[in-house]
Amino acid sequence: MNAPVFAHGQMRLYLLRLLEDGPKHGYELIQAIERRFNGAYVPSAGTIYPRLAKLADEGLVTRHAEGRKSVYAITDAGRVELERRRDETELLEDEIESSVRQLADSLRADLRGSFDALKDELGGGGRHGPPRQRGRRPQAAGSRPRSTPDAFGPTDGQGDARTPIREAEQAIYRFGLDLRNTLRSADAAGTLTEDIVTDLGHELDDLLTRTRARF
């Protein structure tokens, strides 16, 4: 996420909220925030540790070493501060939920666009009707069939490359590239969640079932 919802002072409040559930070391807090945002936002160590140090200076958390790690725990004063600002915490949770939902909706819309494009390629945009054959032009009498290179390699020159099966294969190939790029971009941005992958699997299964039913 390029613009996390945390306004000034909200990150330290959210750290207190996370520590309310039990002591954690810094990396566990980073992971907890990453999970809350479904991977869309991962705070840096430079964001987390100075705020934890500030909370410790204010007496709102304690810090003790466990091996090479520093573990932080909320104090009674921290719990009082958190309870005093409970309304702010609940509002922050609502803002985070809204941000995460918008990211998921955006990715689903991208995937839906890819599915619609594939259905247009294979079936003219609907469940019924014959598949479209695009780009076929009548040849002049006596002309030789053209050999057309494409994503699956050149033809052998003995027939028109643009047969229905080759058109379908090309549509699937293009769809696969577009879908892969969309998913890789989402993964790089941290917005690819397990729920979205599950939805994608169901959509692909449904598309295959409907395609089989046409023949």
N, C-alpha and C. Protein backbone atom coordinates (compact mmCIF):
# COMPACT_ATOMS: atom_id res chain seq x y z
N MET A 1 0.85 -1.19 0.00
CA MET A 1 0.00 0.00 0.00
C MET A 1 0.88 1.24 0.00
N ASN A 2 0.70 2.12 -0.92
CA ASN A 2 1.52 3.30 -1.02
C ASN A 2 1.19 4.35 0.04
N ALA A 3 -0.08 4.41 0.45
CA ALA A 3 -0.50 5.42 1.42
C ALA A 3 -1.28 4.76 2.54
N PRO A 4 -0.58 4.19 3.55
CA PRO A 4 -1.27 3.53 4.65
C PRO A 4 -2.16 4.51 5.39
N VAL A 5 -3.15 3.95 6.11
CA VAL A 5 -4.14 4.82 6.74
C VAL A 5 -3.62 5.49 7.99
N PHE A 6 -2.45 5.09 8.47
CA PHE A 6 -1.96 5.63 9.73
C PHE A 6 -1.64 7.12 9.61
N ALA A 7 -2.38 7.93 10.33
CA ALA A 7 -2.09 9.35 10.42
C ALA A 7 -1.10 9.57 11.58
N HIS A 8 -0.75 10.80 11.82
CA HIS A 8 0.21 11.11 12.87
C HIS A 8 -0.28 10.58 14.22
N GLY A 9 0.56 9.80 14.88
CA GLY A 9 0.24 9.28 16.20
C GLY A 9 -0.55 7.99 16.20
N GLN A 10 -1.06 7.57 15.02
CA GLN A 10 -1.91 6.38 15.00
C GLN A 10 -1.10 5.08 15.05
N MET A 11 0.13 5.10 14.50
CA MET A 11 0.93 3.89 14.52
C MET A 11 1.25 3.47 15.95
N ARG A 12 1.66 4.41 16.79
CA ARG A 12 1.98 4.07 18.18
C ARG A 12 0.74 3.57 18.91
N LEU A 13 -0.42 4.14 18.58
CA LEU A 13 -1.67 3.66 19.17
C LEU A 13 -1.96 2.23 18.73
N TYR A 14 -1.71 1.94 17.46
CA TYR A 14 -1.98 0.59 16.97
C TYR A 14 -0.99 -0.42 17.55
N LEU A 15 0.24 0.02 17.80
CA LEU A 15 1.20 -0.88 18.45
C LEU A 15 0.73 -1.24 19.86
N LEU A 16 0.20 -0.27 20.56
CA LEU A 16 -0.37 -0.57 21.88
C LEU A 16 -1.51 -1.57 21.76
N ARG A 17 -2.34 -1.38 20.74
CA ARG A 17 -3.47 -2.30 20.53
C ARG A 17 -2.96 -3.72 20.29
N LEU A 18 -1.91 -3.87 19.49
CA LEU A 18 -1.37 -5.20 19.22
C LEU A 18 -0.74 -5.81 20.48
N LEU A 19 -0.08 -5.00 21.27
CA LEU A 19 0.55 -5.50 22.50
C LEU A 19 -0.48 -5.84 23.58
N GLU A 20 -1.67 -5.30 23.43
CA GLU A 20 -2.75 -5.64 24.36
C GLU A 20 -3.04 -7.14 24.33
N ASP A 21 -2.79 -7.78 23.19
CA ASP A 21 -3.05 -9.21 23.04
C ASP A 21 -1.93 -10.07 23.61
N GLY A 22 -0.82 -9.45 24.00
CA GLY A 22 0.29 -10.21 24.57
C GLY A 22 1.62 -9.64 24.14
N PRO A 23 2.69 -9.95 24.87
CA PRO A 23 4.02 -9.45 24.53
C PRO A 23 4.48 -9.93 23.16
N LYS A 24 5.24 -9.08 22.47
CA LYS A 24 5.74 -9.42 21.14
C LYS A 24 7.08 -8.74 20.93
N HIS A 25 7.92 -9.36 20.11
CA HIS A 25 9.13 -8.66 19.71
C HIS A 25 8.83 -7.87 18.44
N GLY A 26 9.77 -7.03 18.04
CA GLY A 26 9.51 -6.09 16.95
C GLY A 26 9.08 -6.74 15.66
N TYR A 27 9.75 -7.85 15.29
CA TYR A 27 9.42 -8.49 14.02
C TYR A 27 8.02 -9.08 14.06
N GLU A 28 7.60 -9.58 15.21
CA GLU A 28 6.23 -10.10 15.34
C GLU A 28 5.21 -8.99 15.13
N LEU A 29 5.52 -7.79 15.60
CA LEU A 29 4.61 -6.66 15.39
C LEU A 29 4.55 -6.29 13.90
N ILE A 30 5.70 -6.30 13.23
CA ILE A 30 5.72 -6.03 11.79
C ILE A 30 4.87 -7.07 11.06
N GLN A 31 5.02 -8.33 11.41
CA GLN A 31 4.24 -9.39 10.78
C GLN A 31 2.75 -9.25 11.06
N ALA A 32 2.41 -8.86 12.27
CA ALA A 32 1.00 -8.70 12.64
C ALA A 32 0.35 -7.60 11.80
N ILE A 33 1.06 -6.49 11.58
CA ILE A 33 0.52 -5.41 10.76
C ILE A 33 0.43 -5.86 9.30
N GLU A 34 1.43 -6.58 8.82
CA GLU A 34 1.38 -7.09 7.45
C GLU A 34 0.18 -8.00 7.24
N ARG A 35 -0.08 -8.89 8.20
CA ARG A 35 -1.25 -9.78 8.08
C ARG A 35 -2.55 -8.99 8.11
N ARG A 36 -2.59 -7.96 8.96
CA ARG A 36 -3.83 -7.18 9.06
C ARG A 36 -4.15 -6.49 7.75
N PHE A 37 -3.12 -6.10 7.00
CA PHE A 37 -3.31 -5.46 5.71
C PHE A 37 -3.28 -6.45 4.55
N ASN A 38 -3.35 -7.76 4.88
CA ASN A 38 -3.29 -8.79 3.85
C ASN A 38 -2.06 -8.62 2.94
N GLY A 39 -0.97 -8.17 3.54
CA GLY A 39 0.26 -8.01 2.79
C GLY A 39 0.36 -6.74 2.00
N ALA A 40 -0.67 -5.89 2.03
CA ALA A 40 -0.66 -4.67 1.23
C ALA A 40 0.24 -3.59 1.82
N TYR A 41 0.58 -3.71 3.09
CA TYR A 41 1.46 -2.74 3.72
C TYR A 41 2.33 -3.46 4.73
N VAL A 42 3.64 -3.25 4.62
CA VAL A 42 4.59 -3.84 5.56
C VAL A 42 5.44 -2.70 6.13
N PRO A 43 5.26 -2.38 7.40
CA PRO A 43 6.05 -1.28 7.97
C PRO A 43 7.52 -1.68 8.09
N SER A 44 8.37 -0.72 7.95
CA SER A 44 9.81 -0.98 8.05
C SER A 44 10.23 -1.00 9.51
N ALA A 45 11.40 -1.57 9.76
CA ALA A 45 11.95 -1.55 11.12
C ALA A 45 12.17 -0.12 11.58
N GLY A 46 12.53 0.76 10.63
CA GLY A 46 12.73 2.16 10.96
C GLY A 46 11.45 2.87 11.36
N THR A 47 10.30 2.27 11.00
CA THR A 47 9.01 2.83 11.41
C THR A 47 8.61 2.31 12.79
N ILE A 48 8.87 1.03 13.05
CA ILE A 48 8.37 0.37 14.25
C ILE A 48 9.24 0.67 15.48
N TYR A 49 10.54 0.46 15.38
CA TYR A 49 11.37 0.49 16.58
C TYR A 49 11.48 1.88 17.23
N PRO A 50 11.58 2.96 16.47
CA PRO A 50 11.58 4.26 17.16
C PRO A 50 10.30 4.52 17.93
N ARG A 51 9.18 4.07 17.42
CA ARG A 51 7.91 4.26 18.13
C ARG A 51 7.83 3.38 19.38
N LEU A 52 8.35 2.19 19.27
CA LEU A 52 8.41 1.33 20.46
C LEU A 52 9.31 1.96 21.53
N ALA A 53 10.43 2.52 21.10
CA ALA A 53 11.33 3.17 22.06
C ALA A 53 10.63 4.36 22.72
N LYS A 54 9.86 5.11 21.94
CA LYS A 54 9.12 6.25 22.49
C LYS A 54 8.07 5.78 23.49
N LEU A 55 7.37 4.70 23.16
CA LEU A 55 6.37 4.15 24.08
C LEU A 55 7.03 3.69 25.38
N ALA A 56 8.23 3.11 25.26
CA ALA A 56 8.95 2.67 26.45
C ALA A 56 9.37 3.87 27.30
N ASP A 57 9.85 4.94 26.64
CA ASP A 57 10.24 6.15 27.38
C ASP A 57 9.06 6.75 28.13
N GLU A 58 7.86 6.62 27.56
CA GLU A 58 6.67 7.18 28.19
C GLU A 58 6.07 6.26 29.25
N GLY A 59 6.67 5.07 29.40
CA GLY A 59 6.19 4.13 30.40
C GLY A 59 4.95 3.35 29.98
N LEU A 60 4.65 3.38 28.68
CA LEU A 60 3.46 2.68 28.20
C LEU A 60 3.75 1.24 27.81
N VAL A 61 5.02 0.91 27.58
CA VAL A 61 5.43 -0.47 27.34
C VAL A 61 6.74 -0.72 28.08
N THR A 62 7.01 -2.00 28.30
CA THR A 62 8.30 -2.40 28.85
C THR A 62 9.08 -3.13 27.77
N ARG A 63 10.38 -3.17 27.92
CA ARG A 63 11.25 -3.85 26.97
C ARG A 63 12.24 -4.71 27.76
N HIS A 64 12.31 -5.98 27.38
CA HIS A 64 13.33 -6.85 27.97
C HIS A 64 13.90 -7.78 26.92
N ALA A 65 15.11 -8.19 27.13
CA ALA A 65 15.82 -9.00 26.13
C ALA A 65 15.54 -10.47 26.36
N GLU A 66 15.30 -11.17 25.24
CA GLU A 66 15.21 -12.63 25.22
C GLU A 66 16.19 -13.12 24.16
N GLY A 67 17.37 -13.47 24.61
CA GLY A 67 18.41 -13.81 23.66
C GLY A 67 18.82 -12.57 22.90
N ARG A 68 18.74 -12.64 21.58
CA ARG A 68 19.11 -11.50 20.75
C ARG A 68 17.91 -10.62 20.40
N LYS A 69 16.74 -10.96 20.92
CA LYS A 69 15.53 -10.21 20.61
C LYS A 69 15.08 -9.37 21.79
N SER A 70 14.44 -8.27 21.46
CA SER A 70 13.82 -7.43 22.48
C SER A 70 12.31 -7.66 22.44
N VAL A 71 11.76 -8.00 23.58
CA VAL A 71 10.33 -8.28 23.68
C VAL A 71 9.66 -7.11 24.38
N TYR A 72 8.52 -6.70 23.82
CA TYR A 72 7.80 -5.54 24.34
C TYR A 72 6.47 -6.01 24.92
N ALA A 73 6.09 -5.39 26.03
CA ALA A 73 4.82 -5.72 26.69
C ALA A 73 4.16 -4.43 27.15
N ILE A 74 2.84 -4.41 27.07
CA ILE A 74 2.11 -3.22 27.49
C ILE A 74 2.07 -3.14 29.02
N THR A 75 2.16 -1.93 29.55
CA THR A 75 2.10 -1.72 30.99
C THR A 75 0.69 -1.33 31.40
N ASP A 76 0.49 -1.21 32.71
CA ASP A 76 -0.82 -0.76 33.18
C ASP A 76 -1.12 0.64 32.66
N ALA A 77 -0.10 1.48 32.61
CA ALA A 77 -0.30 2.83 32.08
C ALA A 77 -0.66 2.78 30.60
N GLY A 78 -0.06 1.82 29.89
CA GLY A 78 -0.39 1.64 28.48
C GLY A 78 -1.83 1.21 28.29
N ARG A 79 -2.30 0.33 29.16
CA ARG A 79 -3.70 -0.11 29.07
C ARG A 79 -4.66 1.04 29.36
N VAL A 80 -4.30 1.89 30.30
CA VAL A 80 -5.13 3.05 30.61
C VAL A 80 -5.19 3.98 29.39
N GLU A 81 -4.03 4.21 28.76
CA GLU A 81 -3.97 5.06 27.58
C GLU A 81 -4.81 4.46 26.44
N LEU A 82 -4.70 3.16 26.27
CA LEU A 82 -5.45 2.49 25.21
C LEU A 82 -6.95 2.57 25.48
N GLU A 83 -7.35 2.38 26.71
CA GLU A 83 -8.78 2.44 27.03
C GLU A 83 -9.30 3.87 26.86
N ARG A 84 -8.48 4.85 27.21
CA ARG A 84 -8.88 6.25 27.07
C ARG A 84 -9.12 6.61 25.60
N ARG A 85 -8.40 5.95 24.71
CA ARG A 85 -8.50 6.25 23.28
C ARG A 85 -9.18 5.12 22.51
N ARG A 86 -10.04 4.39 23.17
CA ARG A 86 -10.69 3.23 22.55
C ARG A 86 -11.49 3.62 21.32
N ASP A 87 -12.16 4.74 21.35
CA ASP A 87 -12.93 5.18 20.19
C ASP A 87 -12.02 5.40 18.98
N GLU A 88 -10.84 5.99 19.20
CA GLU A 88 -9.89 6.19 18.11
C GLU A 88 -9.41 4.86 17.55
N THR A 89 -9.19 3.90 18.43
CA THR A 89 -8.72 2.58 17.99
C THR A 89 -9.76 1.89 17.12
N GLU A 90 -11.02 1.96 17.53
CA GLU A 90 -12.08 1.33 16.76
C GLU A 90 -12.24 2.01 15.40
N LEU A 91 -12.12 3.33 15.37
CA LEU A 91 -12.20 4.05 14.10
C LEU A 91 -11.04 3.66 13.20
N LEU A 92 -9.85 3.51 13.75
CA LEU A 92 -8.68 3.10 12.97
C LEU A 92 -8.89 1.70 12.39
N GLU A 93 -9.45 0.80 13.17
CA GLU A 93 -9.73 -0.55 12.66
C GLU A 93 -10.69 -0.49 11.48
N ASP A 94 -11.71 0.37 11.57
CA ASP A 94 -12.65 0.52 10.46
C ASP A 94 -11.96 1.04 9.21
N GLU A 95 -11.03 2.00 9.39
CA GLU A 95 -10.32 2.56 8.25
C GLU A 95 -9.41 1.51 7.60
N ILE A 96 -8.77 0.70 8.41
CA ILE A 96 -7.92 -0.37 7.87
C ILE A 96 -8.77 -1.36 7.10
N GLU A 97 -9.90 -1.77 7.66
CA GLU A 97 -10.77 -2.73 6.99
C GLU A 97 -11.24 -2.20 5.66
N SER A 98 -11.59 -0.92 5.61
CA SER A 98 -12.03 -0.31 4.36
C SER A 98 -10.91 -0.31 3.33
N SER A 99 -9.70 0.01 3.74
CA SER A 99 -8.57 0.04 2.82
C SER A 99 -8.28 -1.34 2.26
N VAL A 100 -8.28 -2.35 3.11
CA VAL A 100 -8.01 -3.71 2.67
C VAL A 100 -9.09 -4.18 1.71
N ARG A 101 -10.35 -3.86 2.00
CA ARG A 101 -11.45 -4.26 1.13
C ARG A 101 -11.35 -3.60 -0.23
N GLN A 102 -10.98 -2.33 -0.27
CA GLN A 102 -10.83 -1.63 -1.55
C GLN A 102 -9.72 -2.25 -2.40
N LEU A 103 -8.63 -2.65 -1.77
CA LEU A 103 -7.54 -3.29 -2.50
C LEU A 103 -7.99 -4.62 -3.08
N ALA A 104 -8.71 -5.41 -2.28
CA ALA A 104 -9.20 -6.70 -2.77
C ALA A 104 -10.20 -6.52 -3.90
N ASP A 105 -11.10 -5.54 -3.77
CA ASP A 105 -12.08 -5.28 -4.83
C ASP A 105 -11.39 -4.86 -6.13
N SER A 106 -10.35 -4.06 -6.01
CA SER A 106 -9.62 -3.62 -7.19
C SER A 106 -8.97 -4.79 -7.90
N LEU A 107 -8.38 -5.70 -7.15
CA LEU A 107 -7.74 -6.87 -7.77
C LEU A 107 -8.79 -7.78 -8.39
N ARG A 108 -9.92 -7.97 -7.72
CA ARG A 108 -10.97 -8.81 -8.30
C ARG A 108 -11.49 -8.21 -9.60
N ALA A 109 -11.58 -6.88 -9.65
CA ALA A 109 -12.03 -6.22 -10.88
C ALA A 109 -11.04 -6.47 -12.01
N ASP A 110 -9.75 -6.44 -11.70
CA ASP A 110 -8.74 -6.73 -12.71
C ASP A 110 -8.88 -8.16 -13.22
N LEU A 111 -9.10 -9.09 -12.29
CA LEU A 111 -9.25 -10.49 -12.69
C LEU A 111 -10.52 -10.69 -13.51
N ARG A 112 -11.60 -10.02 -13.09
CA ARG A 112 -12.86 -10.12 -13.83
C ARG A 112 -12.69 -9.60 -15.25
N GLY A 113 -11.94 -8.52 -15.42
CA GLY A 113 -11.68 -8.01 -16.75
C GLY A 113 -10.93 -9.01 -17.60
N SER A 114 -9.98 -9.74 -16.99
CA SER A 114 -9.24 -10.77 -17.74
C SER A 114 -10.17 -11.90 -18.16
N PHE A 115 -11.08 -12.32 -17.26
CA PHE A 115 -12.02 -13.38 -17.60
C PHE A 115 -12.96 -12.95 -18.72
N ASP A 116 -13.44 -11.71 -18.63
CA ASP A 116 -14.35 -11.23 -19.67
C ASP A 116 -13.65 -11.17 -21.02
N ALA A 117 -12.38 -10.77 -21.01
CA ALA A 117 -11.63 -10.72 -22.26
C ALA A 117 -11.49 -12.11 -22.86
N LEU A 118 -11.23 -13.10 -22.01
CA LEU A 118 -11.10 -14.47 -22.53
C LEU A 118 -12.43 -14.98 -23.07
N LYS A 119 -13.53 -14.69 -22.37
CA LYS A 119 -14.84 -15.14 -22.85
C LYS A 119 -15.18 -14.47 -24.18
N ASP A 120 -14.79 -13.21 -24.33
CA ASP A 120 -15.01 -12.54 -25.61
C ASP A 120 -14.23 -13.23 -26.72
N GLU A 121 -13.01 -13.63 -26.43
CA GLU A 121 -12.18 -14.27 -27.43
C GLU A 121 -12.77 -15.62 -27.84
N LEU A 122 -13.26 -16.38 -26.86
CA LEU A 122 -13.68 -17.75 -27.13
C LEU A 122 -15.14 -17.87 -27.54
N GLY A 123 -15.98 -16.96 -27.03
CA GLY A 123 -17.40 -17.19 -27.28
C GLY A 123 -18.21 -15.97 -27.59
N GLY A 124 -17.62 -14.93 -28.03
CA GLY A 124 -18.39 -13.75 -28.41
C GLY A 124 -19.02 -13.04 -27.24
N GLY A 125 -18.49 -13.31 -26.00
CA GLY A 125 -18.96 -12.56 -24.84
C GLY A 125 -20.16 -13.16 -24.16
N GLY A 126 -20.64 -14.31 -24.54
CA GLY A 126 -21.80 -14.90 -23.88
C GLY A 126 -21.62 -16.38 -23.70
N ARG A 127 -22.62 -17.03 -23.09
CA ARG A 127 -22.54 -18.45 -22.84
C ARG A 127 -22.96 -19.27 -24.06
N HIS A 128 -23.69 -18.66 -24.98
CA HIS A 128 -24.22 -19.40 -26.10
C HIS A 128 -23.73 -18.77 -27.40
N GLY A 129 -23.95 -19.49 -28.46
CA GLY A 129 -23.53 -18.98 -29.76
C GLY A 129 -22.20 -19.54 -30.16
N PRO A 130 -21.93 -19.59 -31.43
CA PRO A 130 -20.68 -20.18 -31.89
C PRO A 130 -19.50 -19.30 -31.57
N PRO A 131 -18.31 -19.91 -31.38
CA PRO A 131 -17.12 -19.09 -31.15
C PRO A 131 -16.84 -18.22 -32.36
N ARG A 132 -16.29 -17.06 -32.07
CA ARG A 132 -15.97 -16.16 -33.16
C ARG A 132 -14.71 -16.61 -33.87
N GLN A 133 -14.65 -16.34 -35.16
CA GLN A 133 -13.44 -16.53 -35.92
C GLN A 133 -13.02 -15.17 -36.43
N ARG A 134 -11.90 -14.70 -35.86
CA ARG A 134 -11.51 -13.34 -36.14
C ARG A 134 -10.39 -13.31 -37.17
N GLY A 135 -10.40 -12.27 -37.98
CA GLY A 135 -9.27 -11.99 -38.84
C GLY A 135 -9.19 -12.83 -40.08
N ARG A 136 -10.13 -13.67 -40.36
CA ARG A 136 -10.07 -14.51 -41.56
C ARG A 136 -10.56 -13.73 -42.76
N ARG A 137 -9.75 -13.69 -43.77
CA ARG A 137 -10.11 -12.97 -44.98
C ARG A 137 -10.19 -13.95 -46.14
N PRO A 138 -11.17 -13.74 -47.02
CA PRO A 138 -11.25 -14.62 -48.18
C PRO A 138 -10.03 -14.44 -49.05
N GLN A 139 -9.54 -15.57 -49.60
CA GLN A 139 -8.38 -15.51 -50.47
C GLN A 139 -8.83 -15.52 -51.92
N ALA A 140 -8.04 -14.87 -52.74
CA ALA A 140 -8.34 -14.85 -54.18
C ALA A 140 -8.20 -16.25 -54.75
N ALA A 141 -9.01 -16.53 -55.77
CA ALA A 141 -8.98 -17.85 -56.39
C ALA A 141 -7.57 -18.15 -56.89
N GLY A 142 -7.11 -19.34 -56.58
CA GLY A 142 -5.81 -19.77 -57.05
C GLY A 142 -4.65 -19.32 -56.19
N SER A 143 -4.91 -18.51 -55.17
CA SER A 143 -3.81 -18.06 -54.33
C SER A 143 -3.40 -19.17 -53.37
N ARG A 144 -2.15 -19.13 -52.95
CA ARG A 144 -1.64 -20.15 -52.04
C ARG A 144 -1.96 -19.77 -50.60
N PRO A 145 -2.26 -20.76 -49.76
CA PRO A 145 -2.50 -20.46 -48.35
C PRO A 145 -1.28 -19.77 -47.75
N ARG A 146 -1.56 -18.82 -46.84
CA ARG A 146 -0.47 -18.09 -46.22
C ARG A 146 0.06 -18.84 -45.02
N SER A 147 1.34 -18.69 -44.77
CA SER A 147 1.95 -19.22 -43.56
C SER A 147 2.11 -18.07 -42.58
N THR A 148 1.50 -18.19 -41.39
CA THR A 148 1.44 -17.07 -40.45
C THR A 148 2.13 -17.42 -39.15
N PRO A 149 3.23 -16.76 -38.81
CA PRO A 149 3.85 -16.99 -37.50
C PRO A 149 2.94 -16.44 -36.41
N ASP A 150 2.94 -17.09 -35.26
CA ASP A 150 2.20 -16.57 -34.11
C ASP A 150 2.88 -17.03 -32.85
N ALA A 151 2.17 -16.89 -31.72
CA ALA A 151 2.78 -17.22 -30.43
C ALA A 151 3.14 -18.68 -30.31
N PHE A 152 2.53 -19.53 -31.14
CA PHE A 152 2.79 -20.95 -31.06
C PHE A 152 3.74 -21.40 -32.15
N GLY A 153 4.39 -20.48 -32.84
CA GLY A 153 5.35 -20.84 -33.87
C GLY A 153 4.72 -20.78 -35.25
N PRO A 154 5.54 -20.77 -36.31
CA PRO A 154 5.02 -20.68 -37.67
C PRO A 154 4.34 -21.96 -38.10
N THR A 155 3.45 -21.83 -39.05
CA THR A 155 2.79 -23.00 -39.60
C THR A 155 3.71 -23.63 -40.62
N ASP A 156 3.29 -24.80 -41.14
CA ASP A 156 4.13 -25.51 -42.09
C ASP A 156 3.88 -25.06 -43.53
N GLY A 157 3.04 -24.04 -43.69
CA GLY A 157 2.77 -23.53 -45.03
C GLY A 157 1.76 -24.34 -45.80
N GLN A 158 1.19 -25.36 -45.18
CA GLN A 158 0.24 -26.22 -45.89
C GLN A 158 -1.21 -25.85 -45.60
N GLY A 159 -1.45 -24.81 -44.82
CA GLY A 159 -2.84 -24.45 -44.52
C GLY A 159 -2.90 -23.11 -43.82
N ASP A 160 -4.09 -22.59 -43.71
CA ASP A 160 -4.30 -21.30 -43.06
C ASP A 160 -4.05 -21.43 -41.56
N ALA A 161 -3.21 -20.56 -41.02
CA ALA A 161 -2.91 -20.64 -39.58
C ALA A 161 -4.11 -20.26 -38.74
N ARG A 162 -5.02 -19.47 -39.27
CA ARG A 162 -6.10 -18.93 -38.47
C ARG A 162 -7.32 -19.84 -38.50
N THR A 163 -7.11 -21.07 -38.06
CA THR A 163 -8.22 -22.00 -37.89
C THR A 163 -8.84 -21.76 -36.52
N PRO A 164 -10.06 -22.26 -36.29
CA PRO A 164 -10.70 -22.03 -34.98
C PRO A 164 -9.85 -22.50 -33.80
N ILE A 165 -9.20 -23.67 -33.93
CA ILE A 165 -8.43 -24.17 -32.79
C ILE A 165 -7.22 -23.28 -32.52
N ARG A 166 -6.60 -22.78 -33.58
CA ARG A 166 -5.43 -21.92 -33.37
C ARG A 166 -5.85 -20.56 -32.82
N GLU A 167 -7.01 -20.07 -33.25
CA GLU A 167 -7.51 -18.82 -32.68
C GLU A 167 -7.79 -18.99 -31.19
N ALA A 168 -8.38 -20.14 -30.85
CA ALA A 168 -8.67 -20.40 -29.44
C ALA A 168 -7.38 -20.52 -28.63
N GLU A 169 -6.40 -21.22 -29.19
CA GLU A 169 -5.12 -21.38 -28.49
C GLU A 169 -4.44 -20.03 -28.28
N GLN A 170 -4.51 -19.19 -29.28
CA GLN A 170 -3.91 -17.87 -29.15
C GLN A 170 -4.62 -17.03 -28.10
N ALA A 171 -5.96 -17.14 -28.05
CA ALA A 171 -6.73 -16.41 -27.05
C ALA A 171 -6.34 -16.85 -25.65
N ILE A 172 -6.20 -18.18 -25.47
CA ILE A 172 -5.82 -18.71 -24.16
C ILE A 172 -4.41 -18.29 -23.80
N TYR A 173 -3.53 -18.29 -24.79
CA TYR A 173 -2.15 -17.89 -24.56
C TYR A 173 -2.08 -16.44 -24.10
N ARG A 174 -2.81 -15.56 -24.82
CA ARG A 174 -2.80 -14.15 -24.43
C ARG A 174 -3.42 -13.96 -23.05
N PHE A 175 -4.49 -14.68 -22.79
CA PHE A 175 -5.14 -14.59 -21.49
C PHE A 175 -4.17 -15.02 -20.39
N GLY A 176 -3.45 -16.13 -20.63
CA GLY A 176 -2.51 -16.61 -19.64
C GLY A 176 -1.43 -15.58 -19.31
N LEU A 177 -0.92 -14.93 -20.35
CA LEU A 177 0.09 -13.90 -20.13
C LEU A 177 -0.47 -12.73 -19.33
N ASP A 178 -1.67 -12.27 -19.73
CA ASP A 178 -2.29 -11.14 -19.02
C ASP A 178 -2.57 -11.49 -17.56
N LEU A 179 -3.11 -12.70 -17.35
CA LEU A 179 -3.45 -13.10 -15.99
C LEU A 179 -2.19 -13.26 -15.14
N ARG A 180 -1.16 -13.86 -15.71
CA ARG A 180 0.09 -14.02 -14.97
C ARG A 180 0.66 -12.67 -14.58
N ASN A 181 0.66 -11.72 -15.51
CA ASN A 181 1.20 -10.40 -15.21
C ASN A 181 0.38 -9.70 -14.12
N THR A 182 -0.95 -9.86 -14.20
CA THR A 182 -1.81 -9.26 -13.18
C THR A 182 -1.51 -9.83 -11.80
N LEU A 183 -1.39 -11.16 -11.73
CA LEU A 183 -1.14 -11.82 -10.45
C LEU A 183 0.25 -11.48 -9.91
N ARG A 184 1.24 -11.44 -10.80
CA ARG A 184 2.58 -11.09 -10.35
C ARG A 184 2.64 -9.66 -9.82
N SER A 185 1.94 -8.76 -10.50
CA SER A 185 1.90 -7.37 -10.03
C SER A 185 1.22 -7.29 -8.66
N ALA A 186 0.13 -8.05 -8.51
CA ALA A 186 -0.57 -8.05 -7.22
C ALA A 186 0.30 -8.65 -6.13
N ASP A 187 1.03 -9.71 -6.46
CA ASP A 187 1.91 -10.34 -5.48
C ASP A 187 3.02 -9.39 -5.08
N ALA A 188 3.59 -8.68 -6.05
CA ALA A 188 4.66 -7.72 -5.75
C ALA A 188 4.15 -6.59 -4.86
N ALA A 189 2.89 -6.21 -5.08
CA ALA A 189 2.29 -5.13 -4.27
C ALA A 189 1.77 -5.64 -2.93
N GLY A 190 1.76 -6.97 -2.75
CA GLY A 190 1.28 -7.54 -1.51
C GLY A 190 -0.22 -7.62 -1.39
N THR A 191 -0.95 -7.54 -2.51
CA THR A 191 -2.41 -7.54 -2.46
C THR A 191 -3.01 -8.88 -2.90
N LEU A 192 -2.18 -9.86 -3.18
CA LEU A 192 -2.68 -11.16 -3.61
C LEU A 192 -2.91 -12.02 -2.37
N THR A 193 -4.18 -12.23 -2.02
CA THR A 193 -4.53 -12.97 -0.81
C THR A 193 -4.99 -14.38 -1.16
N GLU A 194 -5.04 -15.23 -0.15
CA GLU A 194 -5.51 -16.61 -0.35
C GLU A 194 -6.96 -16.62 -0.80
N ASP A 195 -7.78 -15.72 -0.27
CA ASP A 195 -9.19 -15.67 -0.67
C ASP A 195 -9.33 -15.36 -2.16
N ILE A 196 -8.51 -14.45 -2.65
CA ILE A 196 -8.57 -14.08 -4.06
C ILE A 196 -8.12 -15.24 -4.93
N VAL A 197 -7.07 -15.94 -4.50
CA VAL A 197 -6.59 -17.11 -5.25
C VAL A 197 -7.67 -18.19 -5.29
N THR A 198 -8.36 -18.39 -4.16
CA THR A 198 -9.45 -19.37 -4.12
C THR A 198 -10.56 -18.97 -5.08
N ASP A 199 -10.95 -17.69 -5.06
CA ASP A 199 -11.97 -17.20 -5.99
C ASP A 199 -11.53 -17.42 -7.44
N LEU A 200 -10.27 -17.18 -7.70
CA LEU A 200 -9.74 -17.37 -9.05
C LEU A 200 -9.88 -18.82 -9.49
N GLY A 201 -9.56 -19.76 -8.60
CA GLY A 201 -9.70 -21.17 -8.93
C GLY A 201 -11.14 -21.53 -9.26
N HIS A 202 -12.09 -21.01 -8.47
CA HIS A 202 -13.51 -21.28 -8.74
C HIS A 202 -13.93 -20.70 -10.09
N GLU A 203 -13.46 -19.49 -10.39
CA GLU A 203 -13.81 -18.85 -11.66
C GLU A 203 -13.27 -19.67 -12.84
N LEU A 204 -12.05 -20.14 -12.73
CA LEU A 204 -11.45 -20.93 -13.81
C LEU A 204 -12.19 -22.26 -13.99
N ASP A 205 -12.54 -22.90 -12.87
CA ASP A 205 -13.31 -24.15 -12.96
C ASP A 205 -14.66 -23.91 -13.64
N ASP A 206 -15.31 -22.80 -13.28
CA ASP A 206 -16.61 -22.48 -13.87
C ASP A 206 -16.48 -22.21 -15.37
N LEU A 207 -15.43 -21.50 -15.74
CA LEU A 207 -15.21 -21.20 -17.16
C LEU A 207 -14.97 -22.49 -17.94
N LEU A 208 -14.19 -23.41 -17.38
CA LEU A 208 -13.93 -24.67 -18.06
C LEU A 208 -15.20 -25.49 -18.21
N THR A 209 -16.03 -25.52 -17.16
CA THR A 209 -17.29 -26.27 -17.20
C THR A 209 -18.21 -25.72 -18.28
N ARG A 210 -18.31 -24.39 -18.36
CA ARG A 210 -19.19 -23.78 -19.35
C ARG A 210 -18.65 -23.96 -20.77
N THR A 211 -17.33 -23.97 -20.90
CA THR A 211 -16.74 -24.21 -22.22
C THR A 211 -17.02 -25.64 -22.68
N ARG A 212 -16.87 -26.60 -21.81
CA ARG A 212 -17.13 -28.01 -22.16
C ARG A 212 -18.60 -28.21 -22.54
N ALA A 213 -19.50 -27.47 -21.85
CA ALA A 213 -20.93 -27.66 -22.09
C ALA A 213 -21.35 -27.18 -23.47
N ARG A 214 -20.51 -26.44 -24.14
CA ARG A 214 -20.84 -25.89 -25.45
C ARG A 214 -20.59 -26.88 -26.58
N PHE A 215 -19.91 -27.98 -26.28
CA PHE A 215 -19.54 -28.93 -27.34
C PHE A 215 -20.22 -30.27 -27.15
